[in-house]
Structure formats: C-alpha cells, structure tokens
Protein backbone atom coordinates (compact mmCIF):
# COMPACT_ATOMS: atom_id res chain seq x y z
CA UNK A 1 63.66 94.47 30.42
CA UNK A 2 64.36 90.76 30.83
CA UNK A 3 67.08 89.21 32.98
CA UNK A 4 69.12 88.48 29.84
CA UNK A 5 68.81 92.11 28.73
CA UNK A 6 69.72 93.36 32.19
CA UNK A 7 72.85 91.20 32.21
CA UNK A 8 73.85 92.62 28.83
CA UNK A 9 73.20 96.14 30.10
CA UNK A 10 75.35 95.56 33.19
CA UNK A 11 78.16 93.98 31.20
CA UNK A 12 78.30 97.00 28.91
CA UNK A 13 78.27 99.50 31.78
CA UNK A 14 80.89 97.65 33.83
CA UNK A 15 83.08 96.57 30.92
CA UNK A 16 86.18 98.27 32.34
CA UNK A 17 86.16 96.15 35.50
CA UNK A 18 88.28 93.04 35.90
CA UNK A 19 85.29 90.68 35.98
CA UNK A 20 82.21 92.57 34.75
CA UNK A 21 80.07 89.45 34.33
CA UNK A 22 80.55 88.28 37.90
CA UNK A 23 79.87 91.72 39.34
CA UNK A 24 76.82 92.23 37.12
CA UNK A 25 75.40 88.87 38.20
CA UNK A 26 75.96 89.66 41.88
CA UNK A 27 74.29 93.07 41.60
CA UNK A 28 71.36 91.77 39.57
CA UNK A 29 70.80 88.84 41.91
CA UNK A 30 70.81 91.27 44.83
CA UNK A 31 68.26 93.52 43.11
CA UNK A 32 66.03 90.53 42.36
CA UNK A 33 66.61 88.97 45.79
CA UNK A 34 67.33 85.59 44.23
CA UNK A 35 70.48 83.45 43.90
CA UNK A 36 72.81 84.35 41.05
CA UNK A 37 72.75 80.69 40.00
CA UNK A 38 69.12 81.09 38.88
CA UNK A 39 69.71 83.99 36.49
CA UNK A 40 70.54 81.92 33.40
CA UNK A 41 67.59 79.57 33.81
CA UNK A 42 65.26 82.56 34.14
CA UNK A 43 66.88 84.67 31.43
CA UNK A 44 63.56 85.50 29.73
CA UNK A 45 61.88 86.61 32.95
CA UNK A 46 60.74 90.24 32.81
CA UNK A 47 62.11 92.28 35.71
CA UNK A 48 59.66 94.25 37.84
CA UNK A 49 60.15 98.04 37.57
CA UNK A 50 61.23 98.46 41.20
CA UNK A 51 63.83 95.69 40.92
CA UNK A 52 65.12 97.07 37.64
CA UNK A 53 65.48 100.53 39.17
CA UNK A 54 67.43 99.03 42.07
CA UNK A 55 69.72 97.17 39.68
CA UNK A 56 70.50 100.27 37.65
CA UNK A 57 71.15 102.19 40.88
CA UNK A 58 73.58 99.49 42.01
CA UNK A 59 75.38 99.67 38.66
CA UNK A 60 75.78 103.44 38.97
CA UNK A 61 77.17 103.05 42.48
CA UNK A 62 79.68 100.51 41.23
CA UNK A 63 80.79 102.97 38.57
CA UNK A 64 81.85 105.34 41.37
CA UNK A 65 84.23 102.54 42.49
CA UNK A 66 82.11 101.61 45.49
CA UNK A 67 82.98 97.93 46.08
CA UNK A 68 80.30 95.43 45.18
CA UNK A 69 80.52 93.93 48.68
CA UNK A 70 79.54 97.26 50.20
CA UNK A 71 76.68 97.68 47.73
CA UNK A 72 75.14 94.29 48.47
CA UNK A 73 76.15 94.53 52.13
CA UNK A 74 77.97 91.24 52.56
CA UNK A 75 81.04 89.26 51.55
CA UNK A 76 81.32 85.44 51.47
CA UNK A 77 84.21 84.05 53.52
CA UNK A 78 84.87 80.31 53.77
CA UNK A 79 81.20 79.49 53.31
CA UNK A 80 79.83 82.20 55.60
CA UNK A 81 78.31 85.55 54.61
CA UNK A 82 79.73 88.48 56.59
CA UNK A 83 78.04 91.84 56.72
CA UNK A 84 80.47 94.53 55.53
CA UNK A 85 80.39 98.28 55.07
CA UNK A 86 82.86 101.18 55.14
CA UNK A 87 83.71 100.47 58.77
CA UNK A 88 85.70 97.34 57.88
CA UNK A 89 87.94 95.85 55.23
CA UNK A 90 86.34 93.45 52.79
CA UNK A 91 87.56 89.90 53.57
CA UNK A 92 89.80 88.49 50.86
CA UNK A 93 90.97 85.04 49.72
CA UNK A 94 94.41 85.56 51.28
CA UNK A 95 92.76 85.85 54.68
CA UNK A 96 90.80 82.66 54.00
CA UNK A 97 94.18 80.99 53.56
CA UNK A 98 95.30 82.45 56.91
CA UNK A 99 92.29 80.87 58.63
CA UNK A 100 92.82 77.52 56.90
CA UNK A 101 96.44 77.44 58.11
CA UNK A 102 95.29 78.32 61.62
CA UNK A 103 92.83 75.44 61.63
CA UNK A 104 95.45 72.98 60.39
CA UNK A 105 97.94 74.20 62.97
CA UNK A 106 95.58 73.78 65.89
CA UNK A 107 94.61 70.31 64.74
CA UNK A 108 98.25 69.29 64.43
CA UNK A 109 101.40 69.08 66.45
CA UNK A 110 101.43 72.73 67.53
CA UNK A 111 99.15 71.94 70.47
CA UNK A 112 100.34 68.46 71.38
CA UNK A 113 101.84 69.90 74.58
CA UNK A 114 98.39 70.93 75.80
CA UNK A 115 96.40 68.45 77.86
CA UNK A 116 93.41 67.24 75.91
CA UNK A 117 91.03 68.42 78.60
CA UNK A 118 92.46 71.95 78.54
CA UNK A 119 90.51 74.48 76.49
CA UNK A 120 92.43 75.85 73.52
CA UNK A 121 92.56 79.63 73.35
CA UNK A 122 92.88 81.89 70.31
CA UNK A 123 93.04 85.65 69.92
CA UNK A 124 92.30 87.47 66.65
CA UNK A 125 94.07 90.85 66.64
CA UNK A 126 92.40 93.59 64.57
CA UNK A 127 89.26 91.57 63.97
CA UNK A 128 87.50 94.05 61.66
CA UNK A 129 84.37 92.30 60.38
CA UNK A 130 85.10 89.39 62.72
CA UNK A 131 85.62 87.01 59.80
CA UNK A 132 88.71 85.33 61.26
CA UNK A 133 87.47 84.88 64.83
CA UNK A 134 83.95 83.82 63.88
CA UNK A 135 85.09 81.36 61.20
CA UNK A 136 87.56 79.79 63.63
CA UNK A 137 84.79 79.50 66.22
CA UNK A 138 82.59 77.76 63.64
CA UNK A 139 85.31 75.33 62.63
CA UNK A 140 86.96 74.56 65.98
CA UNK A 141 84.22 73.86 68.54
CA UNK A 142 85.17 74.08 72.18
CA UNK A 143 87.87 76.69 71.59
CA UNK A 144 87.85 79.95 73.54
CA UNK A 145 88.23 82.79 71.05
CA UNK A 146 88.86 86.47 71.77
CA UNK A 147 88.60 89.16 69.08
CA UNK A 148 90.35 92.50 69.61
CA UNK A 149 89.61 95.65 67.61
CA UNK A 150 90.68 99.26 68.17
CA UNK A 151 87.82 100.77 66.14
CA UNK A 152 84.58 100.92 68.16
CA UNK A 153 82.46 101.08 65.00
CA UNK A 154 84.19 98.05 63.48
CA UNK A 155 83.78 96.18 66.77
CA UNK A 156 80.03 96.80 66.70
CA UNK A 157 79.85 95.31 63.22
CA UNK A 158 81.92 92.28 64.25
CA UNK A 159 79.53 91.64 67.13
CA UNK A 160 76.60 91.93 64.74
CA UNK A 161 78.19 89.32 62.48
CA UNK A 162 78.76 87.02 65.45
CA UNK A 163 75.10 87.35 66.39
CA UNK A 164 73.89 86.77 62.83
CA UNK A 165 76.07 83.68 62.48
CA UNK A 166 75.19 82.22 65.87
CA UNK A 167 78.64 82.71 67.40
CA UNK A 168 78.08 85.57 69.86
CA UNK A 169 78.41 83.20 72.82
CA UNK A 170 81.58 81.61 71.45
CA UNK A 171 83.59 84.79 70.78
CA UNK A 172 84.59 87.45 73.33
CA UNK A 173 85.04 90.92 71.82
CA UNK A 174 87.45 93.45 73.34
CA UNK A 175 88.20 97.02 72.31
CA UNK A 176 91.84 98.07 72.35
CA UNK A 177 95.15 98.47 70.58
CA UNK A 178 96.91 95.31 69.42
CA UNK A 179 97.31 92.89 72.37
CA UNK A 180 96.87 95.41 75.18
CA UNK A 181 93.38 94.22 76.28
CA UNK A 182 94.46 90.56 76.53
CA UNK A 183 94.73 89.42 80.15
CA UNK A 184 95.40 85.69 79.69
CA UNK A 185 97.84 83.60 77.70
CA UNK A 186 96.64 81.86 74.55
CA UNK A 187 97.72 79.06 72.22
CA UNK A 188 97.39 81.03 68.98
CA UNK A 189 97.59 84.70 68.03
CA UNK A 190 96.27 85.30 64.52
CA UNK A 191 96.07 88.62 62.73
CA UNK A 192 95.54 90.40 59.44
CA UNK A 193 97.21 93.68 60.47
CA UNK A 194 97.63 96.89 58.45
CA UNK A 195 100.68 96.29 56.23
CA UNK A 196 100.58 98.69 53.28
CA UNK A 197 103.40 101.30 53.30
CA UNK A 198 101.98 104.80 53.76
CA UNK A 199 103.50 106.05 50.49
CA UNK A 200 101.75 103.25 48.58
CA UNK A 201 98.25 104.15 49.72
CA UNK A 202 97.80 106.83 47.06
CA UNK A 203 98.49 104.28 44.33
CA UNK A 204 95.87 101.77 45.44
CA UNK A 205 92.83 101.09 43.29
CA UNK A 206 90.03 103.63 43.89
CA UNK A 207 87.83 100.72 45.06
CA UNK A 208 90.20 100.37 48.00
CA UNK A 209 91.69 103.78 48.79
CA UNK A 210 88.43 105.73 48.40
CA UNK A 211 86.17 103.29 50.24
CA UNK A 212 87.89 100.92 52.64
CA UNK A 213 89.10 102.19 56.05
CA UNK A 214 92.62 103.61 55.70
CA UNK A 215 93.39 102.84 59.34
CA UNK A 216 93.06 99.14 58.57
CA UNK A 217 95.47 99.46 55.61
CA UNK A 218 98.22 101.89 56.65
CA UNK A 219 101.19 100.00 58.09
CA UNK A 220 103.54 102.97 58.41
CA UNK A 221 106.61 103.94 56.41
CA UNK A 222 107.59 100.42 55.34
CA UNK A 223 104.27 98.76 56.13
CA UNK A 224 105.71 96.85 59.09
CA UNK A 225 104.86 99.08 62.06
CA UNK A 226 102.10 96.83 63.41
CA UNK A 227 103.88 93.62 62.45
CA UNK A 228 107.01 94.63 64.41
CA UNK A 229 104.88 95.35 67.46
CA UNK A 230 102.97 92.10 67.04
CA UNK A 231 106.17 90.04 66.83
CA UNK A 232 107.64 91.85 69.85
CA UNK A 233 104.56 91.59 72.07
CA UNK A 234 103.20 88.16 71.11
CA UNK A 235 105.56 85.95 73.20
CA UNK A 236 104.37 87.57 76.42
CA UNK A 237 100.82 86.47 75.58
CA UNK A 238 101.48 82.94 74.27
CA UNK A 239 101.59 79.68 76.16
CA UNK A 240 104.74 77.60 75.83
CA UNK A 241 104.65 76.04 72.38
CA UNK A 242 102.09 78.63 71.22
CA UNK A 243 101.96 80.06 67.73
CA UNK A 244 101.86 83.47 66.04
CA UNK A 245 100.26 83.58 62.59
CA UNK A 246 99.71 86.68 60.47
CA UNK A 247 99.24 88.02 56.97
CA UNK A 248 101.71 90.43 55.36
CA UNK A 249 102.22 92.31 52.11
CA UNK A 250 104.05 91.86 48.83
CA UNK A 251 107.84 92.11 49.15
CA UNK A 252 107.91 92.06 52.96
CA UNK A 253 108.97 88.47 53.56
CA UNK A 254 112.73 89.11 53.82
CA UNK A 255 112.28 91.94 56.31
CA UNK A 256 109.98 89.75 58.39
CA UNK A 257 112.57 86.96 58.39
CA UNK A 258 115.12 89.42 59.77
CA UNK A 259 112.76 90.54 62.54
CA UNK A 260 112.07 86.96 63.62
CA UNK A 261 115.74 85.96 63.39
CA UNK A 262 116.67 88.76 65.80
CA UNK A 263 114.16 87.48 68.41
CA UNK A 264 115.41 84.28 70.06
CA UNK A 265 112.04 83.56 71.67
CA UNK A 266 110.71 82.13 68.41
CA UNK A 267 111.19 78.80 66.69
CA UNK A 268 109.65 76.91 63.75
CA UNK A 269 109.49 80.00 61.54
CA UNK A 270 107.68 79.32 58.27
CA UNK A 271 106.27 81.27 55.33
CA UNK A 272 103.27 80.30 53.20
CA UNK A 273 102.51 81.50 49.67
CA UNK A 274 99.13 82.81 48.60
CA UNK A 275 97.18 81.45 45.63
CA UNK A 276 99.35 83.49 43.26
CA UNK A 277 102.54 81.94 44.64
CA UNK A 278 103.53 85.08 46.57
CA UNK A 279 104.74 84.85 50.22
CA UNK A 280 101.76 86.06 52.26
CA UNK A 281 101.49 84.28 55.63
CA UNK A 282 104.06 84.04 58.43
CA UNK A 283 103.95 81.43 61.17
CA UNK A 284 106.28 81.13 64.14
CA UNK A 285 106.17 79.08 67.31
CA UNK A 286 107.34 79.96 70.80
CA UNK A 287 110.17 77.86 72.19
CA UNK A 288 109.12 75.19 74.61
CA UNK A 289 111.31 74.77 77.68
CA UNK A 290 113.20 71.47 77.79
CA UNK A 291 112.31 69.11 80.59
C-alpha cells in the first residue's frame, strides 16, 4: 500500500469524524515517523509492512473514540509538543488563548506597581499536563512559576513534560488542592479549572467522557464549584495589584459576573471571547491600596 492509498483508506474508515483528513494524516505520519507535511510529496512511496500495521492499528483505536492525541502520545500547544495520556486533559485552543492573555497582562500595566528588579511570580492551579505553566516559563524568562495539581499521576506527567521541554528548573511543582499548597503571594493566578456541570458529563462526546479524566472536567452541579473557591481564595494569595485569570464554560459568564460583583476585593473585571466569539476567559485584578 502506498501513502496515497493509506490516506484514502484512513479517510474512508474515519469518515464520520469532524476532520477525517487531518486525523488520518496525523496517524499516518506517526506510524511512518515522519512529518505530516511530507505525506503529499511522497504519496507514491510504498509503506513498509510494520508501519502499515501500526497505521491500521491506530485507525482502529481511533474508531473506539480514543483521542488522536492519546494515540500519538502528544498534543501541540503554542508551538510546543506536550506528552499526554489518560492522566490529563488534552490541551485545547481556548487554553492557548488563556496563556496568550496571561503573557500580555504580565507585559503590560498589570505589573507596573512591581519594582523592575523584583521577580514576577505566577501560579498555575490544576496544571494537568503542565502546558500553561511550562509555556509561560518558556515565554516569560526570569519569572518564578509554581504549578499545583491534586492528581499525583498528572503531576508526574507534568514534571516529565517540564523535563522534556527544558523547563524543570524554571517551574516548581506542588501537589495539593487548589491554592492550599501555596505559601507565598504571587502576581498572577492562572487556571483552567473543572467547569462542566455534573449533569452535562453524560452528554459529552465519547472522545471526552470515555477517555479524558472526569475529575478534571466535573465542576459540580452548575459547573462553578472550583471557580467559586478560586475567586474566594485568590485574593489572599495575590500581591497588591495582582491578577486572577481563568477559563470557564459556555453560558457561565453571567454567573461569574455576579460572583465577582459580590466580592469587593476585585477590580478591573473583564471577559474575553474564544475564537468562536463565546465568552471563555475571565480576568480580574486585586485592588491596590491608595497612597
């Protein structure tokens, strides 16, 4: 079988997926151990039997709704490849947006109150694969970053990613619930917490509900259990003028506005839309005392 024939085979088998061509190309490239960008130029290349067997095996796994990222073992995130498996959520574009907003915020007026010779400090709450903390460490040199995760197995994977990406010395990993392990104040708290209402979990795509860790998805009755706690606890861990930044789910923006409005410790509340135009990211600053 040639590469062109294998692509046609994969397209036919995965035709019910949202983007069968992309997924087929990723799986075939993984089986061949070559970049997906080379497949078209080598379309007449005959595939070795072992590689073809691997490709067909990957296709069958995908047909059980196992996510492609778990099959190939990694997920790209803002130019970095993160190892992923069933211990952690697969990083998504919405979380890339969260990181981009964090970078812009730290480079802007949100830290003008800090002396330039004072190290900026960030904590990533519920780090999972470590994609947020490690990407921030890569993009903001000289910043002290702490990553907190309650799942020991997920924390091990996050540390592995930090090692693989050369950031193990730049990120401190702590095991614990929400902000409880944090012993020092920081300039930014960033998080992609569980935010799916419990009753909605059964209706998720099989790719998600049958494979990704439910504990990283389940946000309680209305999906806001962890977000309420995060909003309540964050001010005690933020420097004056610090910032809380987190991702939330569809239809939750009004409830989040109410929670912030009821807490007079916050200022500069702002919502950001995702790439589909849906409110997805919340940002709020901590009041600075007047001099």
